[in-house]
Amino acid sequence: MPVRIATIDDVHAARKVIVRHVSPAPLIRSWPLERELGFPEGRHVWLKDYGWTPVGSFKLLGALNWTDRNQELIGDRPIAAHSSGNFASGISFAGMRYGKRVLVVMPESAPQTKFNLTRSFGAEVRTYDISRDHETGDRDRLTRELADNERAVQASPYDDPDVIAGNGVGGLEIVDELRRQDRNLSHFLCQVSGGGLMAGHALAIADGFPQAQIIGIEPDTADDFRQSLEAGERVRIERPTGICDGLLSYDVGEHNWPILKQHVASSVPVPDSETREAMKWLYEKHGLRTEPSGAIATAAALHGRVNLDGTGDLVIVISGRNLDESQFREWIA
């Protein structure tokens, strides 16, 4: 069966779903980052901050659209999914909105904040040891068992055209706001893990600003997408590591890869030390307490990992802000 690939038309259709549930995440102009990067007068830097959503990350966009599009399939059955934490709260929020029971599988080491958020919307949580998952495959096994034993419909956190389209609504918001202010876009920096966030945004950004460079950002110890671009095919990393718990997928999804390959110019690896510095910088300059996965794209800009030569504006995604206070203080110390 051929893989159905999300299109820009799917993203526009998803917007009609998303606006019924949540308002757009803000696009914030960063004067401090413009000065830090030495941008000339008239060239702006913008932060798309998904920490403002009800679940503290972008993940509810794809979860809402997936749940809406699959209502007939779900019926009175529960939804099952695995997640490092943010999709767990996203699909839990969607389940609450649509009156569906939600069962999620999360790493036992996930931040308590992510457990609390997920349970606050009504989801039931199972846990596994992520440090041994490359050997045991417990994440996928537990999710399959939930689907089988509970007759649940399984939702992918990223590898699904409805999830991709929902995430892309955030990209439409970026395009709309920049056009409203009569701005141009030269560079778009966005995190890549399984590819659901970037694939959706790439569809919207490439459609709205075809000349913009769309650049992926990954941890240097989990850069499977960068390796995939070099190899011309999807590359799997058996044991991705690092502090960016939301960016440790083994590979990009089957539905994501064709979109990423078409629209994303390159992907840049960033070490954890620079991500931690970016977390501290965002806190000191903007008062934003971001999780590592949320700050890594800012780190790439701050540390010169990306060639930003050009005349248009720069947009950087802050994908989420869910982490425990004690861990945040340790990382920025």
C-alpha atoms as a PDB file:
ATOM      1  CA  MET A   1       0.000   0.000   0.000  1.00  0.00           C
ATOM      2  CA  PRO A   2       1.497   3.392  -0.991  1.00  0.00           C
ATOM      3  CA  VAL A   3       2.321   5.823   1.810  1.00  0.00           C
ATOM      4  CA  ARG A   4      -0.052   8.814   1.950  1.00  0.00           C
ATOM      5  CA  ILE A   5       2.019  11.975   2.131  1.00  0.00           C
ATOM      6  CA  ALA A   6       0.641  15.124   3.748  1.00  0.00           C
ATOM      7  CA  THR A   7       0.277  18.175   1.479  1.00  0.00           C
ATOM      8  CA  ILE A   8      -0.178  21.894   1.986  1.00  0.00           C
ATOM      9  CA  ASP A   9      -3.900  21.364   1.315  1.00  0.00           C
ATOM     10  CA  ASP A  10      -3.983  18.988   4.300  1.00  0.00           C
ATOM     11  CA  VAL A  11      -2.358  21.676   6.441  1.00  0.00           C
ATOM     12  CA  HIS A  12      -4.969  24.259   5.422  1.00  0.00           C
ATOM     13  CA  ALA A  13      -7.723  21.752   6.200  1.00  0.00           C
ATOM     14  CA  ALA A  14      -6.152  21.062   9.603  1.00  0.00           C
ATOM     15  CA  ARG A  15      -6.317  24.748  10.503  1.00  0.00           C
ATOM     16  CA  LYS A  16     -10.130  24.512  10.561  1.00  0.00           C
ATOM     17  CA  VAL A  17      -9.763  21.846  13.245  1.00  0.00           C
ATOM     18  CA  ILE A  18      -7.098  23.548  15.349  1.00  0.00           C
ATOM     19  CA  VAL A  19      -8.826  26.938  15.641  1.00  0.00           C
ATOM     20  CA  ARG A  20     -11.787  25.266  17.351  1.00  0.00           C
ATOM     21  CA  HIS A  21      -9.564  24.257  20.272  1.00  0.00           C
ATOM     22  CA  VAL A  22      -6.548  26.546  20.740  1.00  0.00           C
ATOM     23  CA  SER A  23      -5.308  30.016  19.811  1.00  0.00           C
ATOM     24  CA  PRO A  24      -2.039  30.507  17.880  1.00  0.00           C
ATOM     25  CA  ALA A  25       1.251  30.297  19.747  1.00  0.00           C
ATOM     26  CA  PRO A  26       2.928  33.721  19.732  1.00  0.00           C
ATOM     27  CA  LEU A  27       5.623  34.783  17.279  1.00  0.00           C
ATOM     28  CA  ILE A  28       7.880  36.969  19.419  1.00  0.00           C
ATOM     29  CA  ARG A  29      10.461  39.391  18.061  1.00  0.00           C
ATOM     30  CA  SER A  30      13.816  38.879  19.788  1.00  0.00           C
ATOM     31  CA  TRP A  31      15.679  42.157  20.012  1.00  0.00           C
ATOM     32  CA  PRO A  32      18.406  40.535  22.169  1.00  0.00           C
ATOM     33  CA  LEU A  33      19.064  37.847  19.567  1.00  0.00           C
ATOM     34  CA  GLU A  34      19.207  40.403  16.748  1.00  0.00           C
ATOM     35  CA  ARG A  35      21.957  42.204  18.676  1.00  0.00           C
ATOM     36  CA  GLU A  36      23.702  38.939  19.589  1.00  0.00           C
ATOM     37  CA  LEU A  37      23.825  37.897  15.926  1.00  0.00           C
ATOM     38  CA  GLY A  38      24.844  41.347  14.719  1.00  0.00           C
ATOM     39  CA  PHE A  39      21.838  41.720  12.434  1.00  0.00           C
ATOM     40  CA  PRO A  40      21.526  45.117  10.724  1.00  0.00           C
ATOM     41  CA  GLU A  41      18.629  47.480  11.324  1.00  0.00           C
ATOM     42  CA  GLY A  42      15.577  46.161   9.548  1.00  0.00           C
ATOM     43  CA  ARG A  43      16.435  42.444   9.763  1.00  0.00           C
ATOM     44  CA  HIS A  44      14.419  40.726  12.476  1.00  0.00           C
ATOM     45  CA  VAL A  45      14.644  37.526  14.532  1.00  0.00           C
ATOM     46  CA  TRP A  46      11.434  35.826  15.633  1.00  0.00           C
ATOM     47  CA  LEU A  47      10.808  33.071  18.195  1.00  0.00           C
ATOM     48  CA  LYS A  48       7.778  30.823  17.609  1.00  0.00           C
ATOM     49  CA  ASP A  49       7.103  29.759  21.186  1.00  0.00           C
ATOM     50  CA  TYR A  50       4.938  26.657  21.562  1.00  0.00           C
ATOM     51  CA  GLY A  51       5.437  26.743  25.313  1.00  0.00           C
ATOM     52  CA  TRP A  52       2.307  28.915  25.419  1.00  0.00           C
ATOM     53  CA  THR A  53      -0.012  26.089  24.340  1.00  0.00           C
ATOM     54  CA  PRO A  54      -2.219  24.324  26.917  1.00  0.00           C
ATOM     55  CA  VAL A  55       0.216  21.370  26.975  1.00  0.00           C
ATOM     56  CA  GLY A  56       3.417  23.421  26.899  1.00  0.00           C
ATOM     57  CA  SER A  57       4.553  22.205  23.468  1.00  0.00           C
ATOM     58  CA  PHE A  58       3.604  22.005  19.790  1.00  0.00           C
ATOM     59  CA  LYS A  59       2.470  18.391  20.110  1.00  0.00           C
ATOM     60  CA  LEU A  60      -1.220  19.079  20.677  1.00  0.00           C
ATOM     61  CA  LEU A  61      -1.579  20.471  17.125  1.00  0.00           C
ATOM     62  CA  GLY A  62      -0.906  17.132  15.480  1.00  0.00           C
ATOM     63  CA  ALA A  63      -2.754  15.254  18.217  1.00  0.00           C
ATOM     64  CA  LEU A  64      -5.908  17.346  17.782  1.00  0.00           C
ATOM     65  CA  ASN A  65      -5.950  16.959  14.010  1.00  0.00           C
ATOM     66  CA  TRP A  66      -5.270  13.206  14.196  1.00  0.00           C
ATOM     67  CA  THR A  67      -8.071  12.673  16.701  1.00  0.00           C
ATOM     68  CA  ASP A  68     -10.520  14.738  14.663  1.00  0.00           C
ATOM     69  CA  ARG A  69      -9.709  12.947  11.407  1.00  0.00           C
ATOM     70  CA  ASN A  70      -9.926   9.504  12.992  1.00  0.00           C
ATOM     71  CA  GLN A  71     -13.133   9.902  15.022  1.00  0.00           C
ATOM     72  CA  GLU A  72     -15.021   7.317  12.975  1.00  0.00           C
ATOM     73  CA  LEU A  73     -12.185   4.782  13.251  1.00  0.00           C
ATOM     74  CA  ILE A  74     -11.846   5.349  17.010  1.00  0.00           C
ATOM     75  CA  GLY A  75     -15.540   5.222  17.819  1.00  0.00           C
ATOM     76  CA  ASP A  76     -15.869   4.070  21.434  1.00  0.00           C
ATOM     77  CA  ARG A  77     -12.396   2.509  21.494  1.00  0.00           C
ATOM     78  CA  PRO A  78      -9.486   4.057  23.414  1.00  0.00           C
ATOM     79  CA  ILE A  79      -6.422   5.699  21.863  1.00  0.00           C
ATOM     80  CA  ALA A  80      -2.949   4.237  22.535  1.00  0.00           C
ATOM     81  CA  ALA A  81       0.362   6.005  21.911  1.00  0.00           C
ATOM     82  CA  HIS A  82       3.988   6.093  23.006  1.00  0.00           C
ATOM     83  CA  SER A  83       5.732   9.361  23.760  1.00  0.00           C
ATOM     84  CA  SER A  84       8.738  10.869  25.508  1.00  0.00           C
ATOM     85  CA  GLY A  85       6.163  13.099  27.189  1.00  0.00           C
ATOM     86  CA  ASN A  86       4.961  15.970  25.045  1.00  0.00           C
ATOM     87  CA  PHE A  87       2.844  13.956  22.613  1.00  0.00           C
ATOM     88  CA  ALA A  88       1.486  12.128  25.648  1.00  0.00           C
ATOM     89  CA  SER A  89       0.039  15.360  27.015  1.00  0.00           C
ATOM     90  CA  GLY A  90      -1.008  16.437  23.517  1.00  0.00           C
ATOM     91  CA  ILE A  91      -2.998  13.280  22.782  1.00  0.00           C
ATOM     92  CA  SER A  92      -4.368  13.350  26.346  1.00  0.00           C
ATOM     93  CA  PHE A  93      -5.639  16.899  25.754  1.00  0.00           C
ATOM     94  CA  ALA A  94      -7.147  15.809  22.429  1.00  0.00           C
ATOM     95  CA  GLY A  95      -8.792  12.820  24.103  1.00  0.00           C
ATOM     96  CA  MET A  96     -10.305  15.124  26.705  1.00  0.00           C
ATOM     97  CA  ARG A  97     -11.665  17.437  24.006  1.00  0.00           C
ATOM     98  CA  TYR A  98     -13.183  14.590  21.992  1.00  0.00           C
ATOM     99  CA  GLY A  99     -14.320  12.431  24.901  1.00  0.00           C
ATOM    100  CA  LYS A 100     -11.906   9.563  24.218  1.00  0.00           C
ATOM    101  CA  ARG A 101     -10.022   7.357  26.686  1.00  0.00           C
ATOM    102  CA  VAL A 102      -6.261   7.672  26.209  1.00  0.00           C
ATOM    103  CA  LEU A 103      -3.497   5.205  27.146  1.00  0.00           C
ATOM    104  CA  VAL A 104       0.123   6.289  26.800  1.00  0.00           C
ATOM    105  CA  VAL A 105       3.532   4.646  27.206  1.00  0.00           C
ATOM    106  CA  MET A 106       6.253   6.960  28.546  1.00  0.00           C
ATOM    107  CA  PRO A 107       9.860   6.537  29.752  1.00  0.00           C
ATOM    108  CA  GLU A 108       9.999   6.137  33.520  1.00  0.00           C
ATOM    109  CA  SER A 109      12.717   8.827  33.485  1.00  0.00           C
ATOM    110  CA  ALA A 110      10.516  11.473  31.818  1.00  0.00           C
ATOM    111  CA  PRO A 111      10.211  14.782  33.716  1.00  0.00           C
ATOM    112  CA  GLN A 112       7.543  14.703  36.401  1.00  0.00           C
ATOM    113  CA  THR A 113       6.073  17.801  34.765  1.00  0.00           C
ATOM    114  CA  LYS A 114       5.242  15.736  31.680  1.00  0.00           C
ATOM    115  CA  PHE A 115       3.641  12.978  33.748  1.00  0.00           C
ATOM    116  CA  ASN A 116       1.566  15.530  35.651  1.00  0.00           C
ATOM    117  CA  LEU A 117       0.378  17.299  32.500  1.00  0.00           C
ATOM    118  CA  THR A 118      -0.527  14.057  30.765  1.00  0.00           C
ATOM    119  CA  ARG A 119      -2.522  12.758  33.728  1.00  0.00           C
ATOM    120  CA  SER A 120      -4.190  16.135  34.286  1.00  0.00           C
ATOM    121  CA  PHE A 121      -6.090  15.706  31.008  1.00  0.00           C
ATOM    122  CA  GLY A 122      -7.201  12.199  31.939  1.00  0.00           C
ATOM    123  CA  ALA A 123      -4.737   9.818  30.270  1.00  0.00           C
ATOM    124  CA  GLU A 124      -3.622   6.522  31.824  1.00  0.00           C
ATOM    125  CA  VAL A 125       0.150   6.041  31.798  1.00  0.00           C
ATOM    126  CA  ARG A 126       2.416   2.981  31.489  1.00  0.00           C
ATOM    127  CA  THR A 127       6.201   3.325  31.817  1.00  0.00           C
ATOM    128  CA  TYR A 128       9.338   1.595  30.494  1.00  0.00           C
ATOM    129  CA  ASP A 129      13.126   1.832  30.901  1.00  0.00           C
ATOM    130  CA  ILE A 130      14.332   3.936  27.964  1.00  0.00           C
ATOM    131  CA  SER A 131      17.998   3.174  28.713  1.00  0.00           C
ATOM    132  CA  ARG A 132      17.438  -0.465  27.723  1.00  0.00           C
ATOM    133  CA  ASP A 133      14.812   0.032  25.037  1.00  0.00           C
ATOM    134  CA  HIS A 134      17.342  -0.457  22.225  1.00  0.00           C
ATOM    135  CA  GLU A 135      17.765  -3.997  23.596  1.00  0.00           C
ATOM    136  CA  THR A 136      14.248  -4.804  24.830  1.00  0.00           C
ATOM    137  CA  GLY A 137      11.982  -2.882  22.437  1.00  0.00           C
ATOM    138  CA  ASP A 138       9.658  -2.337  25.415  1.00  0.00           C
ATOM    139  CA  ARG A 139       8.271   0.965  24.123  1.00  0.00           C
ATOM    140  CA  ASP A 140       6.795  -0.522  20.965  1.00  0.00           C
ATOM    141  CA  ARG A 141       5.879  -3.815  22.641  1.00  0.00           C
ATOM    142  CA  LEU A 142       3.900  -2.126  25.419  1.00  0.00           C
ATOM    143  CA  THR A 143       2.124   0.137  22.949  1.00  0.00           C
ATOM    144  CA  ARG A 144       1.158  -2.838  20.757  1.00  0.00           C
ATOM    145  CA  GLU A 145      -0.063  -4.735  23.810  1.00  0.00           C
ATOM    146  CA  LEU A 146      -2.283  -1.815  24.809  1.00  0.00           C
ATOM    147  CA  ALA A 147      -3.666  -1.669  21.299  1.00  0.00           C
ATOM    148  CA  ASP A 148      -4.324  -5.427  21.256  1.00  0.00           C
ATOM    149  CA  ASN A 149      -5.587  -5.932  24.803  1.00  0.00           C
ATOM    150  CA  GLU A 150      -7.697  -2.766  24.991  1.00  0.00           C
ATOM    151  CA  ARG A 151      -8.826  -2.754  21.333  1.00  0.00           C
ATOM    152  CA  ALA A 152      -7.184   0.662  21.155  1.00  0.00           C
ATOM    153  CA  VAL A 153      -6.456   2.666  18.014  1.00  0.00           C
ATOM    154  CA  GLN A 154      -2.741   3.474  17.929  1.00  0.00           C
ATOM    155  CA  ALA A 155      -1.625   7.054  17.247  1.00  0.00           C
ATOM    156  CA  SER A 156       1.899   7.858  16.084  1.00  0.00           C
ATOM    157  CA  PRO A 157       3.530  10.902  17.681  1.00  0.00           C
ATOM    158  CA  TYR A 158       5.038  11.918  14.337  1.00  0.00           C
ATOM    159  CA  ASP A 159       4.790   9.312  11.559  1.00  0.00           C
ATOM    160  CA  ASP A 160       1.279  10.067  10.310  1.00  0.00           C
ATOM    161  CA  PRO A 161      -0.003  12.522   7.657  1.00  0.00           C
ATOM    162  CA  ASP A 162      -2.760  13.841   9.947  1.00  0.00           C
ATOM    163  CA  VAL A 163      -0.240  14.551  12.705  1.00  0.00           C
ATOM    164  CA  ILE A 164       2.091  16.245  10.227  1.00  0.00           C
ATOM    165  CA  ALA A 165      -0.733  18.387   8.825  1.00  0.00           C
ATOM    166  CA  GLY A 166      -1.840  19.443  12.303  1.00  0.00           C
ATOM    167  CA  ASN A 167       1.685  20.475  13.240  1.00  0.00           C
ATOM    168  CA  GLY A 168       1.920  22.444  10.009  1.00  0.00           C
ATOM    169  CA  VAL A 169      -0.793  24.816  11.207  1.00  0.00           C
ATOM    170  CA  GLY A 170       1.906  26.470  13.315  1.00  0.00           C
ATOM    171  CA  GLY A 171       3.832  27.105  10.109  1.00  0.00           C
ATOM    172  CA  LEU A 172       0.782  28.749   8.559  1.00  0.00           C
ATOM    173  CA  GLU A 173       0.596  31.024  11.596  1.00  0.00           C
ATOM    174  CA  ILE A 174       4.217  32.064  11.042  1.00  0.00           C
ATOM    175  CA  VAL A 175       3.623  32.793   7.361  1.00  0.00           C
ATOM    176  CA  ASP A 176       0.444  34.763   8.070  1.00  0.00           C
ATOM    177  CA  GLU A 177       2.047  36.933  10.758  1.00  0.00           C
ATOM    178  CA  LEU A 178       5.143  37.738   8.694  1.00  0.00           C
ATOM    179  CA  ARG A 179       3.013  38.628   5.682  1.00  0.00           C
ATOM    180  CA  ARG A 180       0.751  40.774   7.852  1.00  0.00           C
ATOM    181  CA  GLN A 181       3.795  42.810   8.813  1.00  0.00           C
ATOM    182  CA  ASP A 182       5.082  42.798   5.222  1.00  0.00           C
ATOM    183  CA  ARG A 183       8.179  40.849   6.246  1.00  0.00           C
ATOM    184  CA  ASN A 184      10.363  38.480   4.226  1.00  0.00           C
ATOM    185  CA  LEU A 185      11.925  35.245   5.489  1.00  0.00           C
ATOM    186  CA  SER A 186      15.424  34.026   4.647  1.00  0.00           C
ATOM    187  CA  HIS A 187      16.020  31.304   7.280  1.00  0.00           C
ATOM    188  CA  PHE A 188      13.827  28.954   9.316  1.00  0.00           C
ATOM    189  CA  LEU A 189      15.435  26.878  12.086  1.00  0.00           C
ATOM    190  CA  CYS A 190      13.465  23.990  13.543  1.00  0.00           C
ATOM    191  CA  GLN A 191      14.125  20.880  15.621  1.00  0.00           C
ATOM    192  CA  VAL A 192      14.041  17.453  13.959  1.00  0.00           C
ATOM    193  CA  SER A 193      13.395  14.187  15.771  1.00  0.00           C
ATOM    194  CA  GLY A 194      10.835  11.887  14.182  1.00  0.00           C
ATOM    195  CA  GLY A 195      10.137  14.734  11.797  1.00  0.00           C
ATOM    196  CA  GLY A 196       6.505  15.548  12.563  1.00  0.00           C
ATOM    197  CA  LEU A 197       7.175  19.130  13.641  1.00  0.00           C
ATOM    198  CA  MET A 198       9.574  19.948  10.827  1.00  0.00           C
ATOM    199  CA  ALA A 199       7.629  18.185   8.074  1.00  0.00           C
ATOM    200  CA  GLY A 200       4.448  20.106   8.857  1.00  0.00           C
ATOM    201  CA  HIS A 201       6.235  23.421   9.164  1.00  0.00           C
ATOM    202  CA  ALA A 202       8.318  22.785   6.047  1.00  0.00           C
ATOM    203  CA  LEU A 203       5.145  22.388   3.985  1.00  0.00           C
ATOM    204  CA  ALA A 204       3.832  25.734   5.200  1.00  0.00           C
ATOM    205  CA  ILE A 205       7.110  27.667   5.068  1.00  0.00           C
ATOM    206  CA  ALA A 206       8.069  26.372   1.610  1.00  0.00           C
ATOM    207  CA  ASP A 207       4.637  27.352   0.314  1.00  0.00           C
ATOM    208  CA  GLY A 208       4.627  30.813   1.890  1.00  0.00           C
ATOM    209  CA  PHE A 209       8.307  31.723   1.428  1.00  0.00           C
ATOM    210  CA  PRO A 210       9.772  29.476  -1.306  1.00  0.00           C
ATOM    211  CA  GLN A 211      13.140  31.236  -1.144  1.00  0.00           C
ATOM    212  CA  ALA A 212      13.674  30.594   2.589  1.00  0.00           C
ATOM    213  CA  GLN A 213      16.318  28.138   3.748  1.00  0.00           C
ATOM    214  CA  ILE A 214      14.656  25.506   5.953  1.00  0.00           C
ATOM    215  CA  ILE A 215      17.281  24.047   8.283  1.00  0.00           C
ATOM    216  CA  GLY A 216      16.932  21.182  10.737  1.00  0.00           C
ATOM    217  CA  ILE A 217      18.576  21.163  14.160  1.00  0.00           C
ATOM    218  CA  GLU A 218      19.469  17.953  16.041  1.00  0.00           C
ATOM    219  CA  PRO A 219      21.546  16.832  19.035  1.00  0.00           C
ATOM    220  CA  ASP A 220      24.998  15.766  17.854  1.00  0.00           C
ATOM    221  CA  THR A 221      24.436  12.363  19.487  1.00  0.00           C
ATOM    222  CA  ALA A 222      21.050  11.839  17.805  1.00  0.00           C
ATOM    223  CA  ASP A 223      21.566  13.266  14.309  1.00  0.00           C
ATOM    224  CA  ASP A 224      19.912  10.501  12.292  1.00  0.00           C
ATOM    225  CA  PHE A 225      18.227  13.011   9.967  1.00  0.00           C
ATOM    226  CA  ARG A 226      21.540  14.680   9.076  1.00  0.00           C
ATOM    227  CA  GLN A 227      22.968  11.251   8.331  1.00  0.00           C
ATOM    228  CA  SER A 228      19.868  10.406   6.307  1.00  0.00           C
ATOM    229  CA  LEU A 229      20.295  13.498   4.126  1.00  0.00           C
ATOM    230  CA  GLU A 230      23.906  12.531   3.464  1.00  0.00           C
ATOM    231  CA  ALA A 231      22.990   8.922   2.668  1.00  0.00           C
ATOM    232  CA  GLY A 232      19.919   9.786   0.592  1.00  0.00           C
ATOM    233  CA  GLU A 233      17.812   7.339   2.610  1.00  0.00           C
ATOM    234  CA  ARG A 234      16.513   7.011   6.146  1.00  0.00           C
ATOM    235  CA  VAL A 235      19.255   6.125   8.635  1.00  0.00           C
ATOM    236  CA  ARG A 236      18.425   4.596  12.034  1.00  0.00           C
ATOM    237  CA  ILE A 237      20.407   5.289  15.202  1.00  0.00           C
ATOM    238  CA  GLU A 238      20.084   2.383  17.606  1.00  0.00           C
ATOM    239  CA  ARG A 239      20.817   4.318  20.782  1.00  0.00           C
ATOM    240  CA  PRO A 240      20.314   8.099  20.530  1.00  0.00           C
ATOM    241  CA  THR A 241      21.421   9.944  23.665  1.00  0.00           C
ATOM    242  CA  GLY A 242      21.529  13.419  25.157  1.00  0.00           C
ATOM    243  CA  ILE A 243      19.579  15.849  27.320  1.00  0.00           C
ATOM    244  CA  CYS A 244      17.047  16.640  24.571  1.00  0.00           C
ATOM    245  CA  ASP A 245      14.625  13.884  25.554  1.00  0.00           C
ATOM    246  CA  GLY A 246      12.085  14.995  22.941  1.00  0.00           C
ATOM    247  CA  LEU A 247      14.602  14.589  20.099  1.00  0.00           C
ATOM    248  CA  LEU A 248      15.741  11.009  20.653  1.00  0.00           C
ATOM    249  CA  SER A 249      13.726   9.106  18.053  1.00  0.00           C
ATOM    250  CA  TYR A 250      15.567   6.302  16.308  1.00  0.00           C
ATOM    251  CA  ASP A 251      14.857   7.661  12.824  1.00  0.00           C
ATOM    252  CA  VAL A 252      12.552  10.009  10.952  1.00  0.00           C
ATOM    253  CA  GLY A 253       9.169   8.608  10.020  1.00  0.00           C
ATOM    254  CA  GLU A 254       8.227   6.979   6.747  1.00  0.00           C
ATOM    255  CA  HIS A 255       5.578   9.657   6.128  1.00  0.00           C
ATOM    256  CA  ASN A 256       7.958  12.460   7.113  1.00  0.00           C
ATOM    257  CA  TRP A 257      10.978  11.540   5.038  1.00  0.00           C
ATOM    258  CA  PRO A 258       9.675  12.501   1.553  1.00  0.00           C
ATOM    259  CA  ILE A 259       8.640  15.956   2.815  1.00  0.00           C
ATOM    260  CA  LEU A 260      11.880  16.536   4.668  1.00  0.00           C
ATOM    261  CA  LYS A 261      13.989  15.375   1.739  1.00  0.00           C
ATOM    262  CA  GLN A 262      12.173  17.764  -0.585  1.00  0.00           C
ATOM    263  CA  HIS A 263      12.070  20.899   1.538  1.00  0.00           C
ATOM    264  CA  VAL A 264      14.840  20.840   4.173  1.00  0.00           C
ATOM    265  CA  ALA A 265      18.184  22.077   2.893  1.00  0.00           C
ATOM    266  CA  SER A 266      20.364  20.660   5.660  1.00  0.00           C
ATOM    267  CA  SER A 267      20.474  19.596   9.290  1.00  0.00           C
ATOM    268  CA  VAL A 268      22.939  20.861  11.871  1.00  0.00           C
ATOM    269  CA  PRO A 269      24.168  18.916  14.934  1.00  0.00           C
ATOM    270  CA  VAL A 270      24.419  20.761  18.272  1.00  0.00           C
ATOM    271  CA  PRO A 271      26.192  19.500  21.429  1.00  0.00           C
ATOM    272  CA  ASP A 272      24.354  19.426  24.749  1.00  0.00           C
ATOM    273  CA  SER A 273      26.715  22.009  26.252  1.00  0.00           C
ATOM    274  CA  GLU A 274      25.553  24.627  23.729  1.00  0.00           C
ATOM    275  CA  THR A 275      21.913  23.708  24.260  1.00  0.00           C
ATOM    276  CA  ARG A 276      22.348  24.281  27.995  1.00  0.00           C
ATOM    277  CA  GLU A 277      23.894  27.691  27.307  1.00  0.00           C
ATOM    278  CA  ALA A 278      20.935  28.565  25.091  1.00  0.00           C
ATOM    279  CA  MET A 279      18.511  27.538  27.850  1.00  0.00           C
ATOM    280  CA  LYS A 280      20.279  29.938  30.189  1.00  0.00           C
ATOM    281  CA  TRP A 281      20.367  32.690  27.538  1.00  0.00           C
ATOM    282  CA  LEU A 282      16.628  32.403  26.829  1.00  0.00           C
ATOM    283  CA  TYR A 283      15.904  32.531  30.544  1.00  0.00           C
ATOM    284  CA  GLU A 284      18.086  35.572  31.179  1.00  0.00           C
ATOM    285  CA  LYS A 285      17.107  37.530  28.052  1.00  0.00           C
ATOM    286  CA  HIS A 286      13.439  36.549  27.638  1.00  0.00           C
ATOM    287  CA  GLY A 287      12.418  34.955  30.942  1.00  0.00           C
ATOM    288  CA  LEU A 288      11.643  31.679  29.119  1.00  0.00           C
ATOM    289  CA  ARG A 289      12.219  28.427  31.016  1.00  0.00           C
ATOM    290  CA  THR A 290      12.584  26.048  28.075  1.00  0.00           C
ATOM    291  CA  GLU A 291      13.261  22.334  27.950  1.00  0.00           C
ATOM    292  CA  PRO A 292      16.457  21.312  26.097  1.00  0.00           C
ATOM    293  CA  SER A 293      14.554  20.174  22.991  1.00  0.00           C
ATOM    294  CA  GLY A 294      12.882  23.569  22.918  1.00  0.00           C
ATOM    295  CA  ALA A 295      16.124  25.530  23.137  1.00  0.00           C
ATOM    296  CA  ILE A 296      18.347  23.619  20.721  1.00  0.00           C
ATOM    297  CA  ALA A 297      17.412  25.619  17.607  1.00  0.00           C
ATOM    298  CA  THR A 298      18.263  28.838  19.451  1.00  0.00           C
ATOM    299  CA  ALA A 299      21.568  27.239  20.408  1.00  0.00           C
ATOM    300  CA  ALA A 300      22.394  26.625  16.749  1.00  0.00           C
ATOM    301  CA  ALA A 301      21.947  30.344  16.001  1.00  0.00           C
ATOM    302  CA  LEU A 302      23.749  31.613  19.106  1.00  0.00           C
ATOM    303  CA  HIS A 303      26.804  29.423  18.507  1.00  0.00           C
ATOM    304  CA  GLY A 304      27.171  30.067  14.795  1.00  0.00           C
ATOM    305  CA  ARG A 305      26.240  26.543  13.728  1.00  0.00           C
ATOM    306  CA  VAL A 306      24.223  27.932  10.799  1.00  0.00           C
ATOM    307  CA  ASN A 307      25.288  30.351   8.064  1.00  0.00           C
ATOM    308  CA  LEU A 308      22.683  33.105   8.427  1.00  0.00           C
ATOM    309  CA  ASP A 309      23.920  35.381   5.661  1.00  0.00           C
ATOM    310  CA  GLY A 310      20.998  37.025   3.902  1.00  0.00           C
ATOM    311  CA  THR A 311      18.608  39.935   4.017  1.00  0.00           C
ATOM    312  CA  GLY A 312      15.358  38.374   5.199  1.00  0.00           C
ATOM    313  CA  ASP A 313      14.151  37.619   8.698  1.00  0.00           C
ATOM    314  CA  LEU A 314      15.040  34.575  10.793  1.00  0.00           C
ATOM    315  CA  VAL A 315      12.429  32.415  12.549  1.00  0.00           C
ATOM    316  CA  ILE A 316      13.480  29.987  15.307  1.00  0.00           C
ATOM    317  CA  VAL A 317      11.142  27.417  16.831  1.00  0.00           C
ATOM    318  CA  ILE A 318      10.897  26.921  20.588  1.00  0.00           C
ATOM    319  CA  SER A 319       9.140  23.572  20.527  1.00  0.00           C
ATOM    320  CA  GLY A 320       8.342  23.127  24.226  1.00  0.00           C
ATOM    321  CA  ARG A 321       8.927  24.174  27.807  1.00  0.00           C
ATOM    322  CA  ASN A 322       8.111  21.093  29.875  1.00  0.00           C
ATOM    323  CA  LEU A 323      10.815  20.178  32.362  1.00  0.00           C
ATOM    324  CA  ASP A 324      11.235  19.952  36.106  1.00  0.00           C
ATOM    325  CA  GLU A 325      12.489  23.048  37.918  1.00  0.00           C
ATOM    326  CA  SER A 326      15.332  21.208  39.682  1.00  0.00           C
ATOM    327  CA  GLN A 327      16.624  19.779  36.407  1.00  0.00           C
ATOM    328  CA  PHE A 328      16.385  23.165  34.699  1.00  0.00           C
ATOM    329  CA  ARG A 329      18.425  24.819  37.451  1.00  0.00           C
ATOM    330  CA  GLU A 330      21.064  22.088  37.222  1.00  0.00           C
ATOM    331  CA  TRP A 331      21.393  22.397  33.449  1.00  0.00           C
ATOM    332  CA  ILE A 332      21.774  26.192  33.416  1.00  0.00           C
ATOM    333  CA  ALA A 333      24.096  26.292  36.423  1.00  0.00           C
END
